[in-house]
N, C-alpha and C. Protein backbone atom coordinates (compact mmCIF):
# COMPACT_ATOMS: atom_id res chain seq x y z
N MET A 1 40.05 210.48 -10.00
CA MET A 1 40.07 211.66 -10.96
C MET A 1 38.90 212.54 -10.79
N ARG A 2 39.10 213.79 -11.23
CA ARG A 2 37.95 214.72 -11.02
C ARG A 2 37.54 215.09 -12.48
N ILE A 3 36.30 214.79 -12.77
CA ILE A 3 35.81 215.21 -14.14
C ILE A 3 34.56 216.05 -14.06
N HIS A 4 34.31 216.79 -15.23
CA HIS A 4 33.03 217.33 -15.32
C HIS A 4 31.98 216.44 -15.94
N GLY A 5 32.41 215.61 -16.70
CA GLY A 5 31.47 214.55 -17.27
C GLY A 5 32.16 213.92 -18.62
N ILE A 6 31.22 213.21 -19.30
CA ILE A 6 31.73 212.56 -20.34
C ILE A 6 30.70 212.88 -21.68
N SER A 7 31.22 213.38 -22.63
CA SER A 7 30.48 213.74 -23.94
C SER A 7 30.69 212.35 -24.74
N ARG A 8 29.67 211.74 -25.10
CA ARG A 8 29.72 210.32 -25.66
C ARG A 8 29.36 210.46 -27.29
N ARG A 9 30.13 209.44 -27.82
CA ARG A 9 29.92 209.07 -29.27
C ARG A 9 30.11 210.36 -30.24
N ARG A 10 31.28 210.83 -29.96
CA ARG A 10 31.72 212.08 -30.76
C ARG A 10 32.33 211.44 -31.98
N LEU A 11 32.15 212.16 -33.23
CA LEU A 11 32.68 211.67 -34.48
C LEU A 11 33.57 212.66 -35.17
N GLY A 12 34.80 212.54 -35.41
CA GLY A 12 35.58 213.50 -36.18
C GLY A 12 36.10 214.76 -35.49
N THR A 13 35.95 214.77 -34.19
CA THR A 13 36.50 216.05 -33.51
C THR A 13 37.55 215.88 -32.46
N ASP A 14 37.57 214.64 -32.02
CA ASP A 14 38.67 214.41 -30.89
C ASP A 14 39.50 213.20 -31.22
N GLY A 15 39.92 212.99 -32.35
CA GLY A 15 40.74 211.88 -32.69
C GLY A 15 40.10 210.96 -33.84
N ARG A 16 40.60 209.91 -33.92
CA ARG A 16 40.20 208.86 -35.04
C ARG A 16 38.79 208.23 -34.54
N GLY A 17 38.01 208.11 -35.52
CA GLY A 17 36.68 207.19 -35.29
C GLY A 17 35.78 207.86 -34.11
N VAL A 18 34.89 207.13 -33.57
CA VAL A 18 34.07 207.53 -32.47
C VAL A 18 34.71 207.68 -31.12
N THR A 19 34.61 208.81 -30.51
CA THR A 19 35.28 208.89 -29.22
C THR A 19 34.35 209.32 -28.11
N ASP A 20 34.69 209.04 -26.91
CA ASP A 20 34.14 209.67 -25.82
C ASP A 20 34.97 210.70 -25.25
N LEU A 21 34.56 211.91 -25.08
CA LEU A 21 35.58 212.90 -24.51
C LEU A 21 35.25 213.07 -23.12
N VAL A 22 36.17 212.80 -22.30
CA VAL A 22 36.20 212.83 -20.87
C VAL A 22 36.71 214.33 -20.48
N ALA A 23 35.75 215.26 -20.04
CA ALA A 23 36.15 216.60 -19.66
C ALA A 23 36.70 216.67 -18.22
N MET A 24 37.95 216.80 -18.17
CA MET A 24 38.74 216.81 -16.71
C MET A 24 38.48 218.15 -16.17
N ALA A 25 38.43 218.14 -14.78
CA ALA A 25 38.38 219.36 -14.07
C ALA A 25 39.77 220.06 -13.84
N GLY A 26 39.87 221.31 -13.57
CA GLY A 26 41.07 221.98 -13.44
C GLY A 26 41.76 222.53 -14.50
N CYS A 27 42.23 223.73 -14.47
CA CYS A 27 43.18 224.31 -15.66
C CYS A 27 44.00 225.41 -15.04
N PRO A 28 45.11 225.55 -15.42
CA PRO A 28 46.05 226.56 -14.91
C PRO A 28 45.88 227.84 -15.69
N LEU A 29 45.20 227.85 -16.79
CA LEU A 29 45.02 228.98 -17.68
C LEU A 29 43.71 229.61 -17.37
N ALA A 30 43.50 230.77 -18.03
CA ALA A 30 42.47 231.73 -17.82
C ALA A 30 41.98 232.27 -19.10
N CYS A 31 41.79 231.49 -20.14
CA CYS A 31 41.57 231.99 -21.46
C CYS A 31 40.29 232.88 -21.46
N THR A 32 40.37 233.87 -22.26
CA THR A 32 39.39 234.87 -22.50
C THR A 32 38.11 234.16 -22.88
N TYR A 33 38.30 233.34 -24.00
CA TYR A 33 37.08 232.72 -24.60
C TYR A 33 36.92 231.16 -24.17
N CYS A 34 37.14 231.01 -22.89
CA CYS A 34 37.26 229.47 -22.53
C CYS A 34 35.85 228.85 -22.71
N LEU A 35 36.09 227.64 -23.42
CA LEU A 35 34.73 226.94 -23.83
C LEU A 35 34.14 226.11 -22.55
N ASN A 36 35.15 226.08 -21.51
CA ASN A 36 34.61 225.42 -20.38
C ASN A 36 34.43 226.39 -19.25
N GLY A 37 34.29 227.65 -19.46
CA GLY A 37 34.19 228.55 -18.38
C GLY A 37 33.20 228.52 -17.40
N ARG A 38 31.93 228.16 -18.00
CA ARG A 38 30.84 227.76 -17.10
C ARG A 38 30.90 226.79 -16.08
N LEU A 39 31.46 225.59 -16.61
CA LEU A 39 31.73 224.57 -15.81
C LEU A 39 32.88 224.78 -14.76
N LEU A 40 33.85 225.54 -15.11
CA LEU A 40 34.88 225.79 -14.18
C LEU A 40 34.31 226.79 -13.18
N ALA A 41 33.40 227.80 -13.62
CA ALA A 41 32.87 228.77 -12.65
C ALA A 41 32.01 228.00 -11.67
N GLU A 42 31.19 227.01 -12.14
CA GLU A 42 30.21 226.14 -11.38
C GLU A 42 30.97 225.25 -10.33
N GLY A 43 32.21 224.92 -10.62
CA GLY A 43 32.78 223.95 -10.00
C GLY A 43 32.18 222.60 -9.86
N SER A 44 31.32 222.24 -10.79
CA SER A 44 30.69 221.15 -10.89
C SER A 44 31.57 219.89 -11.25
N THR A 45 32.02 219.15 -10.34
CA THR A 45 32.86 217.98 -10.74
C THR A 45 32.20 216.62 -10.03
N ILE A 46 32.75 215.52 -10.79
CA ILE A 46 32.48 214.24 -10.35
C ILE A 46 33.80 213.50 -9.95
N GLU A 47 33.90 212.98 -8.85
CA GLU A 47 35.11 212.07 -8.50
C GLU A 47 34.75 210.64 -9.05
N ILE A 48 35.81 210.07 -9.87
CA ILE A 48 35.66 208.76 -10.45
C ILE A 48 37.03 208.06 -10.51
N THR A 49 37.03 206.75 -10.24
CA THR A 49 38.22 206.06 -10.27
C THR A 49 38.56 205.70 -11.70
N ALA A 50 39.67 205.33 -12.02
CA ALA A 50 40.12 204.80 -13.32
C ALA A 50 39.24 203.65 -13.84
N GLY A 51 39.10 202.79 -12.85
CA GLY A 51 38.27 201.47 -13.23
C GLY A 51 36.83 201.82 -13.51
N ASP A 52 36.30 202.75 -12.74
CA ASP A 52 34.86 203.13 -12.97
C ASP A 52 34.72 203.66 -14.33
N LEU A 53 35.59 204.68 -14.46
CA LEU A 53 35.63 205.31 -15.89
C LEU A 53 35.78 204.44 -17.06
N LEU A 54 36.52 203.49 -16.90
CA LEU A 54 36.83 202.34 -17.98
C LEU A 54 35.43 201.63 -18.07
N ALA A 55 34.81 201.34 -16.95
CA ALA A 55 33.48 200.63 -17.08
C ALA A 55 32.46 201.41 -17.77
N SER A 56 32.50 202.78 -17.57
CA SER A 56 31.50 203.59 -18.04
C SER A 56 31.69 203.85 -19.58
N VAL A 57 32.99 203.88 -20.17
CA VAL A 57 33.29 204.13 -21.49
C VAL A 57 32.95 202.86 -22.31
N MET A 58 33.18 201.78 -21.59
CA MET A 58 33.06 200.48 -22.38
C MET A 58 31.55 200.25 -22.79
N GLN A 59 30.63 201.05 -22.56
CA GLN A 59 29.32 200.97 -23.18
C GLN A 59 29.45 201.28 -24.52
N GLU A 60 30.45 202.00 -25.06
CA GLU A 60 30.73 202.26 -26.42
C GLU A 60 31.77 201.50 -27.13
N ALA A 61 32.06 200.44 -26.57
CA ALA A 61 32.95 199.50 -27.09
C ALA A 61 32.77 199.07 -28.49
N CYS A 62 31.64 198.81 -28.83
CA CYS A 62 31.36 198.38 -30.23
C CYS A 62 31.65 199.45 -31.24
N TYR A 63 31.45 200.67 -30.95
CA TYR A 63 31.65 202.02 -31.67
C TYR A 63 33.23 202.21 -31.80
N PHE A 64 34.05 201.88 -30.59
CA PHE A 64 35.40 202.11 -30.68
C PHE A 64 36.10 200.96 -31.56
N VAL A 65 35.62 199.87 -31.34
CA VAL A 65 36.16 198.64 -32.15
C VAL A 65 35.96 198.86 -33.69
N GLY A 66 34.83 199.25 -33.92
CA GLY A 66 34.31 199.46 -35.39
C GLY A 66 35.01 200.55 -36.08
N THR A 67 35.46 201.62 -35.41
CA THR A 67 36.00 202.90 -36.01
C THR A 67 37.30 203.18 -35.61
N GLY A 68 37.89 202.33 -34.78
CA GLY A 68 39.38 202.60 -34.31
C GLY A 68 39.36 203.77 -33.32
N GLY A 69 38.22 204.08 -32.73
CA GLY A 69 38.05 205.23 -31.77
C GLY A 69 38.57 204.76 -30.17
N GLY A 70 38.08 205.62 -29.50
CA GLY A 70 38.30 205.46 -28.00
C GLY A 70 38.06 206.58 -27.13
N VAL A 71 39.00 206.82 -26.28
CA VAL A 71 38.71 207.96 -25.27
C VAL A 71 39.67 209.12 -25.37
N THR A 72 39.19 210.24 -25.36
CA THR A 72 39.98 211.41 -25.42
C THR A 72 39.79 212.18 -24.08
N PHE A 73 40.89 212.43 -23.40
CA PHE A 73 40.83 213.25 -22.24
C PHE A 73 41.11 214.79 -22.60
N GLY A 74 40.10 215.68 -22.21
CA GLY A 74 40.08 217.10 -22.50
C GLY A 74 40.13 217.77 -21.25
N GLY A 75 39.67 219.05 -21.34
CA GLY A 75 39.56 219.80 -20.12
C GLY A 75 38.78 221.01 -20.25
N GLY A 76 39.19 221.93 -19.46
CA GLY A 76 40.40 222.09 -18.61
C GLY A 76 41.74 221.65 -19.15
N GLU A 77 42.68 221.27 -18.29
CA GLU A 77 43.82 220.77 -18.65
C GLU A 77 44.04 219.27 -17.93
N PRO A 78 43.78 218.33 -18.92
CA PRO A 78 43.86 217.07 -18.54
C PRO A 78 45.18 216.51 -17.75
N LEU A 79 46.26 217.08 -18.30
CA LEU A 79 47.53 216.62 -17.70
C LEU A 79 47.74 216.95 -16.35
N LEU A 80 46.91 217.90 -15.72
CA LEU A 80 47.02 218.05 -14.37
C LEU A 80 46.79 216.88 -13.46
N GLN A 81 46.07 215.87 -14.23
CA GLN A 81 45.67 214.55 -13.51
C GLN A 81 46.41 213.40 -14.35
N GLY A 82 47.64 213.67 -14.60
CA GLY A 82 48.27 212.68 -15.36
C GLY A 82 48.48 211.19 -14.73
N GLU A 83 48.54 211.18 -13.51
CA GLU A 83 48.56 209.91 -12.89
C GLU A 83 47.29 209.09 -13.02
N GLY A 84 46.20 209.81 -12.98
CA GLY A 84 44.86 209.13 -13.29
C GLY A 84 44.76 208.60 -14.72
N ILE A 85 45.41 209.51 -15.60
CA ILE A 85 45.25 208.95 -17.00
C ILE A 85 46.20 207.80 -17.27
N LYS A 86 47.33 207.83 -16.58
CA LYS A 86 48.21 206.76 -16.49
C LYS A 86 47.55 205.41 -16.11
N GLU A 87 46.91 205.57 -15.07
CA GLU A 87 46.13 204.45 -14.44
C GLU A 87 45.10 203.85 -15.30
N PHE A 88 44.36 204.76 -15.90
CA PHE A 88 43.36 204.48 -17.01
C PHE A 88 44.01 203.67 -18.14
N ALA A 89 45.19 204.28 -18.61
CA ALA A 89 45.81 203.64 -19.88
C ALA A 89 46.27 202.15 -19.60
N ALA A 90 46.73 202.05 -18.26
CA ALA A 90 47.05 200.54 -17.85
C ALA A 90 46.07 199.60 -17.89
N LEU A 91 44.72 200.17 -17.66
CA LEU A 91 43.65 199.26 -17.48
C LEU A 91 42.92 199.04 -18.82
N ARG A 92 42.92 199.94 -19.91
CA ARG A 92 42.22 199.83 -21.04
C ARG A 92 42.69 198.81 -21.91
N PRO A 93 41.70 198.28 -22.70
CA PRO A 93 42.17 197.16 -23.75
C PRO A 93 42.87 197.75 -24.79
N GLU A 94 43.84 197.04 -25.47
CA GLU A 94 44.75 197.57 -26.38
C GLU A 94 44.13 198.04 -27.67
N TRP A 95 42.96 197.73 -27.98
CA TRP A 95 42.18 198.29 -29.16
C TRP A 95 41.61 199.57 -28.89
N MET A 96 41.50 200.08 -27.62
CA MET A 96 40.86 201.34 -27.38
C MET A 96 41.94 202.34 -27.45
N SER A 97 41.67 203.39 -28.38
CA SER A 97 42.70 204.46 -28.52
C SER A 97 42.49 205.58 -27.44
N LEU A 98 43.53 206.18 -27.17
CA LEU A 98 43.75 207.08 -26.16
C LEU A 98 44.32 208.42 -26.58
N SER A 99 43.52 209.54 -26.58
CA SER A 99 43.92 210.78 -26.96
C SER A 99 43.89 211.78 -25.81
N ILE A 100 44.73 212.84 -26.02
CA ILE A 100 44.76 213.98 -24.91
C ILE A 100 44.62 215.33 -25.72
N GLU A 101 43.70 216.11 -25.34
CA GLU A 101 43.65 217.55 -25.71
C GLU A 101 44.36 218.30 -24.73
N THR A 102 45.27 219.07 -25.06
CA THR A 102 46.14 219.62 -23.96
C THR A 102 46.64 220.92 -24.34
N ALA A 103 46.95 221.96 -23.52
CA ALA A 103 47.72 223.20 -23.81
C ALA A 103 49.11 223.05 -23.22
N LEU A 104 49.53 221.80 -22.76
CA LEU A 104 50.79 221.42 -22.36
C LEU A 104 51.09 222.36 -21.09
N GLN A 105 50.38 222.79 -20.40
CA GLN A 105 50.66 223.84 -19.33
C GLN A 105 51.04 222.99 -17.92
N VAL A 106 52.01 222.06 -18.01
CA VAL A 106 52.38 221.11 -16.92
C VAL A 106 53.85 221.09 -16.96
N PRO A 107 54.39 220.50 -15.67
CA PRO A 107 55.96 220.06 -15.87
C PRO A 107 56.18 219.11 -16.98
N GLN A 108 57.34 219.23 -17.55
CA GLN A 108 57.68 218.29 -18.69
C GLN A 108 57.63 216.82 -18.20
N ASP A 109 57.97 216.58 -16.96
CA ASP A 109 57.98 215.15 -16.66
C ASP A 109 56.60 214.54 -16.70
N VAL A 110 55.56 215.30 -16.62
CA VAL A 110 54.12 214.81 -16.71
C VAL A 110 54.06 214.34 -18.18
N VAL A 111 54.33 215.20 -19.03
CA VAL A 111 54.30 214.80 -20.51
C VAL A 111 55.25 213.59 -20.74
N ASP A 112 56.45 213.56 -20.43
CA ASP A 112 57.37 212.31 -20.63
C ASP A 112 56.72 211.19 -20.24
N ALA A 113 56.13 211.13 -18.95
CA ALA A 113 55.40 209.93 -18.41
C ALA A 113 54.35 209.42 -19.23
N LEU A 114 53.77 210.23 -20.02
CA LEU A 114 52.56 209.75 -20.88
C LEU A 114 52.82 209.48 -22.26
N ILE A 115 54.14 209.96 -22.78
CA ILE A 115 54.45 209.66 -24.16
C ILE A 115 54.30 208.20 -24.65
N PRO A 116 54.64 207.29 -23.81
CA PRO A 116 54.53 205.83 -24.32
C PRO A 116 53.11 205.29 -24.45
N THR A 117 52.17 206.00 -23.74
CA THR A 117 50.86 205.46 -23.79
C THR A 117 49.77 206.21 -24.45
N VAL A 118 50.12 207.41 -25.01
CA VAL A 118 49.08 208.14 -25.71
C VAL A 118 49.22 208.06 -27.20
N ASP A 119 48.06 207.70 -27.86
CA ASP A 119 48.03 207.43 -29.33
C ASP A 119 47.94 208.76 -30.14
N LEU A 120 47.30 209.81 -29.55
CA LEU A 120 47.28 211.08 -30.20
C LEU A 120 47.25 212.18 -29.32
N TRP A 121 48.25 213.25 -29.49
CA TRP A 121 48.24 214.47 -28.82
C TRP A 121 47.63 215.43 -29.62
N ILE A 122 46.61 216.14 -29.14
CA ILE A 122 45.86 217.27 -29.82
C ILE A 122 46.34 218.42 -28.78
N VAL A 123 47.41 219.20 -29.52
CA VAL A 123 47.94 220.16 -28.77
C VAL A 123 47.41 221.58 -29.14
N ASP A 124 46.77 222.44 -28.21
CA ASP A 124 46.15 223.64 -28.50
C ASP A 124 47.21 224.63 -28.15
N ILE A 125 47.91 225.18 -29.31
CA ILE A 125 48.74 226.29 -29.18
C ILE A 125 48.12 227.74 -29.28
N LYS A 126 47.85 228.31 -28.18
CA LYS A 126 47.01 229.54 -28.24
C LYS A 126 47.63 230.53 -29.28
N SER A 127 49.11 230.76 -29.11
CA SER A 127 49.73 231.86 -29.96
C SER A 127 51.12 231.45 -29.77
N LEU A 128 51.93 231.80 -30.89
CA LEU A 128 53.40 231.73 -30.69
C LEU A 128 54.14 232.95 -30.23
N ASP A 129 53.20 234.12 -29.97
CA ASP A 129 53.66 235.34 -29.47
C ASP A 129 53.32 235.43 -28.02
N GLN A 130 54.53 235.50 -27.20
CA GLN A 130 54.35 235.49 -25.77
C GLN A 130 53.44 236.59 -25.22
N ASP A 131 53.41 237.65 -25.75
CA ASP A 131 52.51 238.75 -25.28
C ASP A 131 51.10 238.34 -25.55
N VAL A 132 50.80 237.77 -26.76
CA VAL A 132 49.40 237.34 -27.02
C VAL A 132 49.10 236.23 -26.14
N TYR A 133 50.11 235.22 -25.97
CA TYR A 133 49.62 234.02 -25.15
C TYR A 133 49.41 234.59 -23.67
N ARG A 134 50.15 235.36 -23.23
CA ARG A 134 49.94 235.78 -21.84
C ARG A 134 48.71 236.73 -21.83
N GLY A 135 48.40 237.53 -22.74
CA GLY A 135 47.31 238.37 -22.73
C GLY A 135 45.98 237.61 -22.86
N TYR A 136 45.97 236.67 -23.66
CA TYR A 136 44.76 235.88 -23.94
C TYR A 136 44.63 234.76 -22.93
N ALA A 137 45.60 234.01 -22.69
CA ALA A 137 45.59 232.65 -22.03
C ALA A 137 45.99 232.77 -20.46
N HIS A 138 46.70 233.98 -20.17
CA HIS A 138 47.34 234.24 -18.97
C HIS A 138 48.29 233.12 -18.46
N GLY A 139 49.07 232.49 -19.49
CA GLY A 139 49.83 231.48 -19.17
C GLY A 139 51.37 231.64 -19.81
N SER A 140 52.13 230.65 -19.79
CA SER A 140 53.38 230.64 -20.10
C SER A 140 53.67 229.94 -21.51
N LEU A 141 53.95 230.77 -22.57
CA LEU A 141 54.41 230.15 -23.84
C LEU A 141 55.52 229.30 -23.74
N SER A 142 56.49 229.64 -23.04
CA SER A 142 57.75 228.91 -22.93
C SER A 142 57.47 227.39 -22.30
N VAL A 143 56.53 227.21 -21.38
CA VAL A 143 56.27 225.99 -20.92
C VAL A 143 55.53 225.10 -22.03
N ALA A 144 54.77 225.61 -22.84
CA ALA A 144 54.04 224.97 -23.79
C ALA A 144 55.13 224.52 -24.90
N LEU A 145 55.94 225.39 -25.34
CA LEU A 145 56.94 225.09 -26.31
C LEU A 145 57.86 223.98 -25.92
N ARG A 146 58.35 224.21 -24.57
CA ARG A 146 59.20 223.10 -24.00
C ARG A 146 58.60 221.83 -24.18
N ASN A 147 57.37 221.71 -23.73
CA ASN A 147 56.58 220.37 -23.81
C ASN A 147 56.38 219.90 -25.22
N LEU A 148 56.13 220.91 -26.12
CA LEU A 148 56.02 220.63 -27.47
C LEU A 148 57.15 219.97 -28.16
N GLU A 149 58.35 220.55 -27.68
CA GLU A 149 59.47 220.01 -28.24
C GLU A 149 59.87 218.67 -27.76
N ALA A 150 59.37 218.30 -26.56
CA ALA A 150 59.38 216.94 -25.92
C ALA A 150 58.73 215.90 -26.76
N LEU A 151 57.53 216.50 -27.46
CA LEU A 151 56.88 215.66 -28.26
C LEU A 151 57.39 215.30 -29.72
N MET A 152 58.46 216.02 -29.99
CA MET A 152 59.07 215.85 -31.33
C MET A 152 59.40 214.35 -31.71
N GLY A 153 59.76 213.52 -30.76
CA GLY A 153 60.22 212.17 -30.97
C GLY A 153 58.90 211.31 -31.30
N VAL A 154 57.71 211.87 -31.04
CA VAL A 154 56.47 211.10 -31.39
C VAL A 154 55.64 212.01 -32.32
N LYS A 155 56.24 212.96 -33.18
CA LYS A 155 55.50 214.07 -33.86
C LYS A 155 54.30 213.45 -34.85
N GLU A 156 54.56 212.22 -35.27
CA GLU A 156 53.50 211.54 -36.05
C GLU A 156 52.17 211.28 -35.24
N LYS A 157 52.30 211.48 -33.82
CA LYS A 157 51.21 211.23 -33.03
C LYS A 157 50.71 212.74 -32.52
N VAL A 158 51.03 213.66 -33.06
CA VAL A 158 50.83 214.95 -32.76
C VAL A 158 50.14 215.80 -33.65
N LEU A 159 48.84 216.28 -33.23
CA LEU A 159 48.00 217.35 -34.13
C LEU A 159 48.18 218.66 -33.36
N VAL A 160 48.68 219.54 -33.99
CA VAL A 160 48.96 220.88 -33.30
C VAL A 160 47.69 221.91 -33.94
N ARG A 161 46.92 222.38 -32.98
CA ARG A 161 45.71 223.27 -33.39
C ARG A 161 46.02 224.58 -33.08
N VAL A 162 45.88 225.49 -34.14
CA VAL A 162 46.46 226.86 -34.00
C VAL A 162 45.06 227.73 -34.38
N PRO A 163 44.57 228.37 -33.30
CA PRO A 163 43.30 229.15 -33.31
C PRO A 163 43.43 230.53 -34.05
N ILE A 164 42.42 231.02 -34.71
CA ILE A 164 42.17 232.39 -35.01
C ILE A 164 41.39 232.95 -33.94
N ILE A 165 41.97 233.92 -33.17
CA ILE A 165 41.18 234.29 -32.00
C ILE A 165 40.76 235.84 -32.19
N PRO A 166 39.49 236.00 -32.26
CA PRO A 166 38.96 237.46 -32.31
C PRO A 166 39.62 238.50 -31.35
N GLY A 167 40.17 239.54 -31.87
CA GLY A 167 40.69 240.61 -30.90
C GLY A 167 42.04 240.28 -30.42
N TYR A 168 42.64 239.18 -30.89
CA TYR A 168 43.95 238.66 -30.42
C TYR A 168 44.92 238.31 -31.58
N LYS A 169 44.25 237.43 -32.54
CA LYS A 169 45.09 236.90 -33.54
C LYS A 169 44.19 236.78 -34.77
N ASP A 170 44.67 237.25 -35.89
CA ASP A 170 43.85 237.14 -37.14
C ASP A 170 44.30 235.88 -37.94
N GLU A 171 43.65 235.66 -39.09
CA GLU A 171 43.98 234.45 -39.91
C GLU A 171 45.32 234.43 -40.37
N GLN A 172 45.62 235.64 -40.78
CA GLN A 172 47.06 235.72 -41.59
C GLN A 172 48.15 235.40 -40.44
N THR A 173 48.08 235.80 -39.25
CA THR A 173 49.03 235.47 -38.18
C THR A 173 48.90 234.02 -37.89
N ALA A 174 47.67 233.49 -37.82
CA ALA A 174 47.56 231.99 -37.53
C ALA A 174 48.32 231.17 -38.55
N ARG A 175 48.07 231.54 -39.77
CA ARG A 175 48.75 230.70 -40.95
C ARG A 175 50.36 230.92 -40.80
N ALA A 176 50.71 232.13 -40.49
CA ALA A 176 52.18 232.13 -40.30
C ALA A 176 52.70 231.30 -39.16
N GLU A 177 51.98 231.28 -38.08
CA GLU A 177 52.27 230.29 -36.93
C GLU A 177 52.17 228.89 -37.40
N ALA A 178 51.35 228.56 -38.12
CA ALA A 178 51.28 227.18 -38.81
C ALA A 178 52.46 226.72 -39.37
N GLU A 179 52.99 227.76 -40.38
CA GLU A 179 54.23 227.50 -41.09
C GLU A 179 55.32 227.43 -40.30
N ALA A 180 55.43 228.27 -39.12
CA ALA A 180 56.60 228.09 -38.34
C ALA A 180 56.47 226.88 -37.51
N LEU A 181 55.37 226.15 -37.26
CA LEU A 181 55.33 224.89 -36.62
C LEU A 181 55.67 223.87 -37.53
N VAL A 182 55.32 223.94 -38.88
CA VAL A 182 55.83 223.08 -39.86
C VAL A 182 57.36 223.04 -39.85
N LYS A 183 57.97 224.20 -39.99
CA LYS A 183 59.41 224.46 -39.96
C LYS A 183 60.08 223.65 -38.67
N MET A 184 59.25 223.70 -37.65
CA MET A 184 59.77 222.97 -36.33
C MET A 184 59.84 221.56 -36.65
N GLY A 185 58.99 220.99 -37.39
CA GLY A 185 58.93 219.66 -37.85
C GLY A 185 57.71 218.89 -37.61
N PHE A 186 56.56 219.67 -37.21
CA PHE A 186 55.35 219.15 -37.13
C PHE A 186 54.54 219.14 -38.38
N GLU A 187 53.94 217.98 -38.66
CA GLU A 187 53.23 217.97 -39.97
C GLU A 187 51.79 217.97 -39.98
N ARG A 188 51.21 217.66 -38.97
CA ARG A 188 49.66 217.83 -38.65
C ARG A 188 49.27 219.10 -38.06
N ILE A 189 48.76 220.06 -38.73
CA ILE A 189 48.48 221.31 -38.25
C ILE A 189 46.95 221.67 -38.63
N ASP A 190 46.25 222.16 -37.67
CA ASP A 190 44.86 222.54 -37.85
C ASP A 190 44.61 223.92 -37.52
N VAL A 191 44.43 224.86 -38.43
CA VAL A 191 44.22 226.22 -38.27
C VAL A 191 42.62 226.33 -38.21
N PHE A 192 42.11 226.94 -37.21
CA PHE A 192 40.65 227.06 -37.11
C PHE A 192 40.13 228.28 -36.33
N PRO A 193 38.97 228.89 -36.65
CA PRO A 193 38.48 230.05 -35.92
C PRO A 193 37.85 229.71 -34.67
N TYR A 194 38.15 230.51 -33.58
CA TYR A 194 37.27 230.47 -32.39
C TYR A 194 35.96 231.13 -32.77
N VAL A 195 34.81 230.38 -32.35
CA VAL A 195 33.50 231.15 -32.46
C VAL A 195 33.18 231.67 -31.21
N VAL A 196 33.07 233.06 -31.14
CA VAL A 196 32.85 233.80 -29.80
C VAL A 196 31.31 234.04 -29.72
N ARG A 197 30.57 233.67 -28.79
CA ARG A 197 29.19 233.90 -28.66
C ARG A 197 28.93 234.90 -27.54
């Protein structure tokens, strides 16, 4: 797997309990306010096997066991390395939770293959308006929505994040999108503002 690094002992931001966030390299999007832009530009990556990654995060085992936490794969777009995540999932102990932060910009078979092993899907829906999605993220809303629909069968494991994006989408629009997602059947929605520096 290609990663940028591991942010350790995070609490309340990437799933239940204490988590280690594994920042995966690579992303098909080019979001205007990308939080990982510097890393992507620098191209600073580390090659690591699933076994070595597990050995590394096991340093936090007592925190994971005590809080119900575990590992969150973020990005970039972690699903670009779905096979590596599957390999990691097969090695992890059953008490270690596994979450993925994703914009779902991958073929649906990648999502389908990981549904049985992921405990929490944190889905970043940039916008429900194709023009805004394309203008901000330079990606395909239809791909994201098709994969989001594929997660309906495990919707209790899905948290959909709806950002307020300065210059692209105001709070009223974000709240309306959240309501639309609830009507689709998703119950866990997080509306939040992007902080642009």
